[in-house]
Amino acid sequence: MMTELKDRVKDQLDQFNSTIDQILNASKGLYLKAVEEGNKQFKELVDTGVAQSESGEDIISQIRNDVTGPFEDIKGSIEQIKNASVGLVVKARSSSEEYFSELVELGQKEETEEETAE
């Protein structure tokens, strides 16, 4: 009985140690892969920077355009919203004046009909 329990504990301990070894190897592999990929990406960034420098384009102008571009789009959208709001007010005022005129005419017509009926 004691031998059986001892064997079970030993098997579980061996399995645990094996799992720990796998985790350690995976961690090492992850680190090495991250370093390798980081080096590749760094080299790509350097190559891109060199190509940009050789092209003669002004990086500051490009950054300025990239940063201000979205704001120009927003300005255009805000202008459209402002125009739509003004158009809505004008349309509402025009419609309300027409509706008011219709009500006045209807009231006058009703009043005239009542007077003629008397």
N, C-alpha and C. Protein backbone atom coordinates (compact mmCIF):
# COMPACT_ATOMS: atom_id res chain seq x y z
N MET A 1 0.82 -1.19 0.00
CA MET A 1 0.00 0.00 0.00
C MET A 1 0.87 1.26 0.00
N MET A 2 1.88 1.28 0.83
CA MET A 2 2.77 2.42 0.92
C MET A 2 3.55 2.59 -0.38
N THR A 3 3.95 1.48 -0.95
CA THR A 3 4.70 1.52 -2.21
C THR A 3 3.83 2.09 -3.32
N GLU A 4 2.57 1.70 -3.33
CA GLU A 4 1.64 2.18 -4.36
C GLU A 4 1.44 3.70 -4.22
N LEU A 5 1.26 4.16 -3.02
CA LEU A 5 1.09 5.60 -2.76
C LEU A 5 2.36 6.35 -3.16
N LYS A 6 3.50 5.78 -2.81
CA LYS A 6 4.77 6.38 -3.15
C LYS A 6 4.93 6.50 -4.67
N ASP A 7 4.54 5.45 -5.38
CA ASP A 7 4.64 5.46 -6.85
C ASP A 7 3.71 6.52 -7.46
N ARG A 8 2.53 6.63 -6.91
CA ARG A 8 1.58 7.65 -7.41
C ARG A 8 2.13 9.06 -7.21
N VAL A 9 2.63 9.33 -6.02
CA VAL A 9 3.20 10.65 -5.72
C VAL A 9 4.38 10.93 -6.64
N LYS A 10 5.23 9.89 -6.83
CA LYS A 10 6.39 10.05 -7.71
C LYS A 10 5.95 10.35 -9.14
N ASP A 11 4.92 9.65 -9.64
CA ASP A 11 4.40 9.89 -11.00
C ASP A 11 3.85 11.31 -11.13
N GLN A 12 3.11 11.73 -10.13
CA GLN A 12 2.54 13.09 -10.18
C GLN A 12 3.65 14.13 -10.12
N LEU A 13 4.65 13.89 -9.31
CA LEU A 13 5.78 14.81 -9.21
C LEU A 13 6.55 14.86 -10.52
N ASP A 14 6.74 13.72 -11.16
CA ASP A 14 7.42 13.67 -12.47
C ASP A 14 6.60 14.44 -13.51
N GLN A 15 5.30 14.25 -13.47
CA GLN A 15 4.43 14.95 -14.42
C GLN A 15 4.49 16.47 -14.17
N PHE A 16 4.48 16.87 -12.92
CA PHE A 16 4.57 18.29 -12.56
C PHE A 16 5.90 18.87 -13.04
N ASN A 17 6.99 18.15 -12.80
CA ASN A 17 8.31 18.61 -13.24
C ASN A 17 8.37 18.72 -14.76
N SER A 18 7.76 17.78 -15.45
CA SER A 18 7.73 17.82 -16.91
C SER A 18 6.96 19.05 -17.39
N THR A 19 5.85 19.34 -16.74
CA THR A 19 5.05 20.52 -17.11
C THR A 19 5.84 21.80 -16.86
N ILE A 20 6.53 21.87 -15.74
CA ILE A 20 7.37 23.04 -15.43
C ILE A 20 8.45 23.21 -16.49
N ASP A 21 9.07 22.12 -16.90
CA ASP A 21 10.10 22.18 -17.95
C ASP A 21 9.50 22.71 -19.25
N GLN A 22 8.31 22.25 -19.59
CA GLN A 22 7.66 22.73 -20.81
C GLN A 22 7.37 24.23 -20.72
N ILE A 23 6.90 24.67 -19.57
CA ILE A 23 6.61 26.10 -19.38
C ILE A 23 7.89 26.92 -19.50
N LEU A 24 8.96 26.44 -18.90
CA LEU A 24 10.25 27.15 -19.00
C LEU A 24 10.73 27.22 -20.45
N ASN A 25 10.63 26.11 -21.17
CA ASN A 25 11.05 26.10 -22.58
C ASN A 25 10.17 27.02 -23.42
N ALA A 26 8.87 27.02 -23.15
CA ALA A 26 7.97 27.91 -23.89
C ALA A 26 8.31 29.37 -23.60
N SER A 27 8.64 29.68 -22.36
CA SER A 27 9.01 31.05 -22.00
C SER A 27 10.29 31.48 -22.71
N LYS A 28 11.27 30.59 -22.74
CA LYS A 28 12.51 30.89 -23.46
C LYS A 28 12.23 31.10 -24.94
N GLY A 29 11.40 30.21 -25.51
CA GLY A 29 11.05 30.33 -26.93
C GLY A 29 10.32 31.64 -27.22
N LEU A 30 9.43 32.00 -26.32
CA LEU A 30 8.70 33.26 -26.49
C LEU A 30 9.66 34.44 -26.49
N TYR A 31 10.58 34.46 -25.54
CA TYR A 31 11.55 35.54 -25.46
C TYR A 31 12.40 35.61 -26.73
N LEU A 32 12.91 34.47 -27.16
CA LEU A 32 13.76 34.45 -28.36
C LEU A 32 12.98 34.89 -29.60
N LYS A 33 11.74 34.44 -29.70
CA LYS A 33 10.90 34.82 -30.84
C LYS A 33 10.63 36.32 -30.82
N ALA A 34 10.35 36.87 -29.63
CA ALA A 34 10.10 38.31 -29.51
C ALA A 34 11.33 39.12 -29.91
N VAL A 35 12.50 38.65 -29.47
CA VAL A 35 13.75 39.34 -29.83
C VAL A 35 13.95 39.27 -31.35
N GLU A 36 13.77 38.09 -31.92
CA GLU A 36 13.95 37.90 -33.36
C GLU A 36 13.00 38.79 -34.16
N GLU A 37 11.71 38.75 -33.79
CA GLU A 37 10.72 39.56 -34.50
C GLU A 37 10.97 41.05 -34.29
N GLY A 38 11.39 41.40 -33.08
CA GLY A 38 11.70 42.81 -32.79
C GLY A 38 12.85 43.30 -33.66
N ASN A 39 13.86 42.45 -33.81
CA ASN A 39 15.00 42.82 -34.66
C ASN A 39 14.57 42.97 -36.12
N LYS A 40 13.70 42.06 -36.57
CA LYS A 40 13.20 42.16 -37.95
C LYS A 40 12.42 43.45 -38.15
N GLN A 41 11.53 43.75 -37.20
CA GLN A 41 10.73 44.97 -37.32
C GLN A 41 11.61 46.21 -37.26
N PHE A 42 12.61 46.20 -36.38
CA PHE A 42 13.52 47.33 -36.29
C PHE A 42 14.26 47.53 -37.61
N LYS A 43 14.73 46.44 -38.21
CA LYS A 43 15.42 46.53 -39.50
C LYS A 43 14.48 47.09 -40.56
N GLU A 44 13.22 46.62 -40.57
CA GLU A 44 12.24 47.14 -41.53
C GLU A 44 12.01 48.64 -41.33
N LEU A 45 11.93 49.07 -40.07
CA LEU A 45 11.74 50.50 -39.78
C LEU A 45 12.93 51.32 -40.25
N VAL A 46 14.13 50.80 -40.02
CA VAL A 46 15.34 51.49 -40.47
C VAL A 46 15.33 51.60 -41.99
N ASP A 47 15.02 50.49 -42.68
CA ASP A 47 14.98 50.50 -44.14
C ASP A 47 13.95 51.50 -44.67
N THR A 48 12.79 51.54 -44.02
CA THR A 48 11.74 52.48 -44.44
C THR A 48 12.21 53.92 -44.22
N GLY A 49 12.86 54.19 -43.10
CA GLY A 49 13.38 55.53 -42.82
C GLY A 49 14.43 55.96 -43.83
N VAL A 50 15.30 55.02 -44.18
CA VAL A 50 16.35 55.31 -45.17
C VAL A 50 15.71 55.61 -46.52
N ALA A 51 14.74 54.80 -46.90
CA ALA A 51 14.06 55.01 -48.19
C ALA A 51 13.36 56.36 -48.21
N GLN A 52 12.76 56.75 -47.11
CA GLN A 52 12.08 58.04 -47.04
C GLN A 52 13.09 59.17 -47.15
N SER A 53 14.22 59.03 -46.48
CA SER A 53 15.25 60.06 -46.54
C SER A 53 15.79 60.20 -47.96
N GLU A 54 15.97 59.08 -48.64
CA GLU A 54 16.49 59.10 -50.00
C GLU A 54 15.48 59.64 -51.00
N SER A 55 14.20 59.56 -50.67
CA SER A 55 13.17 60.05 -51.59
C SER A 55 13.13 61.57 -51.65
N GLY A 56 13.69 62.21 -50.63
CA GLY A 56 13.72 63.66 -50.63
C GLY A 56 12.45 64.30 -50.09
N GLU A 57 11.47 63.51 -49.70
CA GLU A 57 10.24 64.07 -49.13
C GLU A 57 10.54 64.63 -47.75
N ASP A 58 9.88 65.74 -47.44
CA ASP A 58 10.04 66.35 -46.13
C ASP A 58 9.12 65.63 -45.14
N ILE A 59 9.71 64.94 -44.18
CA ILE A 59 8.93 64.15 -43.22
C ILE A 59 8.06 65.04 -42.36
N ILE A 60 8.52 66.24 -42.05
CA ILE A 60 7.73 67.16 -41.22
C ILE A 60 6.45 67.55 -41.95
N SER A 61 6.55 67.83 -43.24
CA SER A 61 5.36 68.17 -44.02
C SER A 61 4.39 66.99 -44.07
N GLN A 62 4.94 65.81 -44.23
CA GLN A 62 4.09 64.61 -44.29
C GLN A 62 3.38 64.40 -42.95
N ILE A 63 4.10 64.57 -41.85
CA ILE A 63 3.48 64.42 -40.52
C ILE A 63 2.41 65.48 -40.33
N ARG A 64 2.72 66.72 -40.72
CA ARG A 64 1.75 67.81 -40.58
C ARG A 64 0.47 67.49 -41.36
N ASN A 65 0.63 67.00 -42.60
CA ASN A 65 -0.54 66.65 -43.41
C ASN A 65 -1.33 65.50 -42.78
N ASP A 66 -0.61 64.51 -42.26
CA ASP A 66 -1.28 63.36 -41.64
C ASP A 66 -2.05 63.78 -40.39
N VAL A 67 -1.50 64.74 -39.66
CA VAL A 67 -2.15 65.17 -38.42
C VAL A 67 -3.32 66.12 -38.70
N THR A 68 -3.13 67.04 -39.64
CA THR A 68 -4.19 68.04 -39.88
C THR A 68 -5.30 67.52 -40.79
N GLY A 69 -5.04 66.47 -41.56
CA GLY A 69 -6.05 65.94 -42.47
C GLY A 69 -7.37 65.60 -41.81
N PRO A 70 -7.36 64.82 -40.74
CA PRO A 70 -8.63 64.49 -40.09
C PRO A 70 -9.37 65.72 -39.55
N PHE A 71 -8.61 66.73 -39.10
CA PHE A 71 -9.27 67.93 -38.58
C PHE A 71 -9.97 68.71 -39.70
N GLU A 72 -9.40 68.67 -40.89
CA GLU A 72 -10.05 69.32 -42.03
C GLU A 72 -11.37 68.62 -42.35
N ASP A 73 -11.37 67.30 -42.26
CA ASP A 73 -12.60 66.55 -42.48
C ASP A 73 -13.65 66.93 -41.45
N ILE A 74 -13.23 67.08 -40.20
CA ILE A 74 -14.16 67.44 -39.13
C ILE A 74 -14.70 68.84 -39.37
N LYS A 75 -13.83 69.76 -39.79
CA LYS A 75 -14.29 71.13 -40.07
C LYS A 75 -15.37 71.12 -41.14
N GLY A 76 -15.17 70.32 -42.19
CA GLY A 76 -16.16 70.23 -43.25
C GLY A 76 -17.47 69.67 -42.73
N SER A 77 -17.40 68.66 -41.88
CA SER A 77 -18.61 68.07 -41.30
C SER A 77 -19.34 69.06 -40.42
N ILE A 78 -18.60 69.81 -39.63
CA ILE A 78 -19.21 70.82 -38.76
C ILE A 78 -19.90 71.89 -39.60
N GLU A 79 -19.26 72.29 -40.70
CA GLU A 79 -19.86 73.30 -41.59
C GLU A 79 -21.17 72.76 -42.17
N GLN A 80 -21.19 71.49 -42.56
CA GLN A 80 -22.41 70.89 -43.10
C GLN A 80 -23.51 70.84 -42.05
N ILE A 81 -23.15 70.49 -40.83
CA ILE A 81 -24.13 70.44 -39.74
C ILE A 81 -24.69 71.83 -39.48
N LYS A 82 -23.82 72.83 -39.49
CA LYS A 82 -24.26 74.22 -39.27
C LYS A 82 -25.24 74.63 -40.36
N ASN A 83 -24.92 74.34 -41.61
CA ASN A 83 -25.81 74.69 -42.72
C ASN A 83 -27.13 73.94 -42.62
N ALA A 84 -27.08 72.68 -42.23
CA ALA A 84 -28.31 71.91 -42.08
C ALA A 84 -29.18 72.50 -40.97
N SER A 85 -28.55 72.95 -39.88
CA SER A 85 -29.32 73.55 -38.78
C SER A 85 -30.00 74.83 -39.22
N VAL A 86 -29.26 75.67 -39.94
CA VAL A 86 -29.85 76.92 -40.45
C VAL A 86 -30.98 76.59 -41.41
N GLY A 87 -30.77 75.62 -42.28
CA GLY A 87 -31.82 75.21 -43.23
C GLY A 87 -33.05 74.70 -42.51
N LEU A 88 -32.86 73.97 -41.42
CA LEU A 88 -33.99 73.45 -40.64
C LEU A 88 -34.79 74.59 -40.03
N VAL A 89 -34.10 75.59 -39.49
CA VAL A 89 -34.79 76.74 -38.89
C VAL A 89 -35.57 77.50 -39.95
N VAL A 90 -34.95 77.73 -41.10
CA VAL A 90 -35.63 78.46 -42.18
C VAL A 90 -36.85 77.67 -42.65
N LYS A 91 -36.69 76.37 -42.82
CA LYS A 91 -37.80 75.52 -43.27
C LYS A 91 -38.92 75.51 -42.23
N ALA A 92 -38.56 75.41 -40.96
CA ALA A 92 -39.58 75.39 -39.89
C ALA A 92 -40.31 76.73 -39.85
N ARG A 93 -39.59 77.83 -39.97
CA ARG A 93 -40.22 79.15 -39.94
C ARG A 93 -41.16 79.30 -41.12
N SER A 94 -40.71 78.91 -42.30
CA SER A 94 -41.52 79.02 -43.51
C SER A 94 -42.78 78.16 -43.38
N SER A 95 -42.61 76.94 -42.92
CA SER A 95 -43.74 76.03 -42.77
C SER A 95 -44.72 76.54 -41.72
N SER A 96 -44.20 77.10 -40.63
CA SER A 96 -45.09 77.58 -39.57
C SER A 96 -45.86 78.81 -40.05
N GLU A 97 -45.22 79.67 -40.85
CA GLU A 97 -45.93 80.84 -41.38
C GLU A 97 -47.04 80.41 -42.33
N GLU A 98 -46.75 79.41 -43.17
CA GLU A 98 -47.77 78.90 -44.09
C GLU A 98 -48.93 78.27 -43.31
N TYR A 99 -48.59 77.51 -42.28
CA TYR A 99 -49.61 76.85 -41.47
C TYR A 99 -50.45 77.88 -40.74
N PHE A 100 -49.79 78.92 -40.21
CA PHE A 100 -50.51 79.98 -39.52
C PHE A 100 -51.47 80.69 -40.48
N SER A 101 -51.00 80.95 -41.69
CA SER A 101 -51.85 81.59 -42.69
C SER A 101 -53.06 80.71 -43.01
N GLU A 102 -52.84 79.42 -43.13
CA GLU A 102 -53.95 78.50 -43.39
C GLU A 102 -54.97 78.53 -42.26
N LEU A 103 -54.46 78.57 -41.02
CA LEU A 103 -55.36 78.63 -39.87
C LEU A 103 -56.17 79.91 -39.85
N VAL A 104 -55.52 81.05 -40.18
CA VAL A 104 -56.22 82.34 -40.22
C VAL A 104 -57.32 82.29 -41.28
N GLU A 105 -56.98 81.77 -42.46
CA GLU A 105 -57.97 81.69 -43.53
C GLU A 105 -59.12 80.77 -43.13
N LEU A 106 -58.81 79.66 -42.53
CA LEU A 106 -59.84 78.72 -42.10
C LEU A 106 -60.74 79.37 -41.05
N GLY A 107 -60.13 80.09 -40.10
CA GLY A 107 -60.91 80.78 -39.06
C GLY A 107 -61.80 81.85 -39.66
N GLN A 108 -61.27 82.62 -40.61
CA GLN A 108 -62.07 83.66 -41.25
C GLN A 108 -63.23 83.04 -42.02
N LYS A 109 -62.95 81.98 -42.70
CA LYS A 109 -63.97 81.30 -43.48
C LYS A 109 -65.07 80.80 -42.56
N GLU A 110 -64.68 80.21 -41.44
CA GLU A 110 -65.65 79.68 -40.47
C GLU A 110 -66.47 80.83 -39.88
N GLU A 111 -65.80 81.93 -39.58
CA GLU A 111 -66.51 83.09 -39.01
C GLU A 111 -67.49 83.66 -40.01
N THR A 112 -67.11 83.74 -41.26
CA THR A 112 -67.99 84.26 -42.31
C THR A 112 -69.19 83.34 -42.48
N GLU A 113 -68.97 82.05 -42.45
CA GLU A 113 -70.07 81.09 -42.59
C GLU A 113 -71.05 81.20 -41.42
N GLU A 114 -70.53 81.45 -40.22
CA GLU A 114 -71.40 81.58 -39.05
C GLU A 114 -72.25 82.85 -39.17
N GLU A 115 -71.62 83.92 -39.64
CA GLU A 115 -72.35 85.21 -39.79
C GLU A 115 -73.43 85.08 -40.85
N THR A 116 -73.14 84.36 -41.92
CA THR A 116 -74.14 84.20 -42.97
C THR A 116 -75.25 83.28 -42.51
N ALA A 117 -74.96 82.38 -41.65
CA ALA A 117 -75.99 81.47 -41.15
C ALA A 117 -76.93 82.17 -40.20
N GLU A 118 -76.51 83.22 -39.57
CA GLU A 118 -77.36 83.91 -38.61
C GLU A 118 -78.27 84.76 -39.35
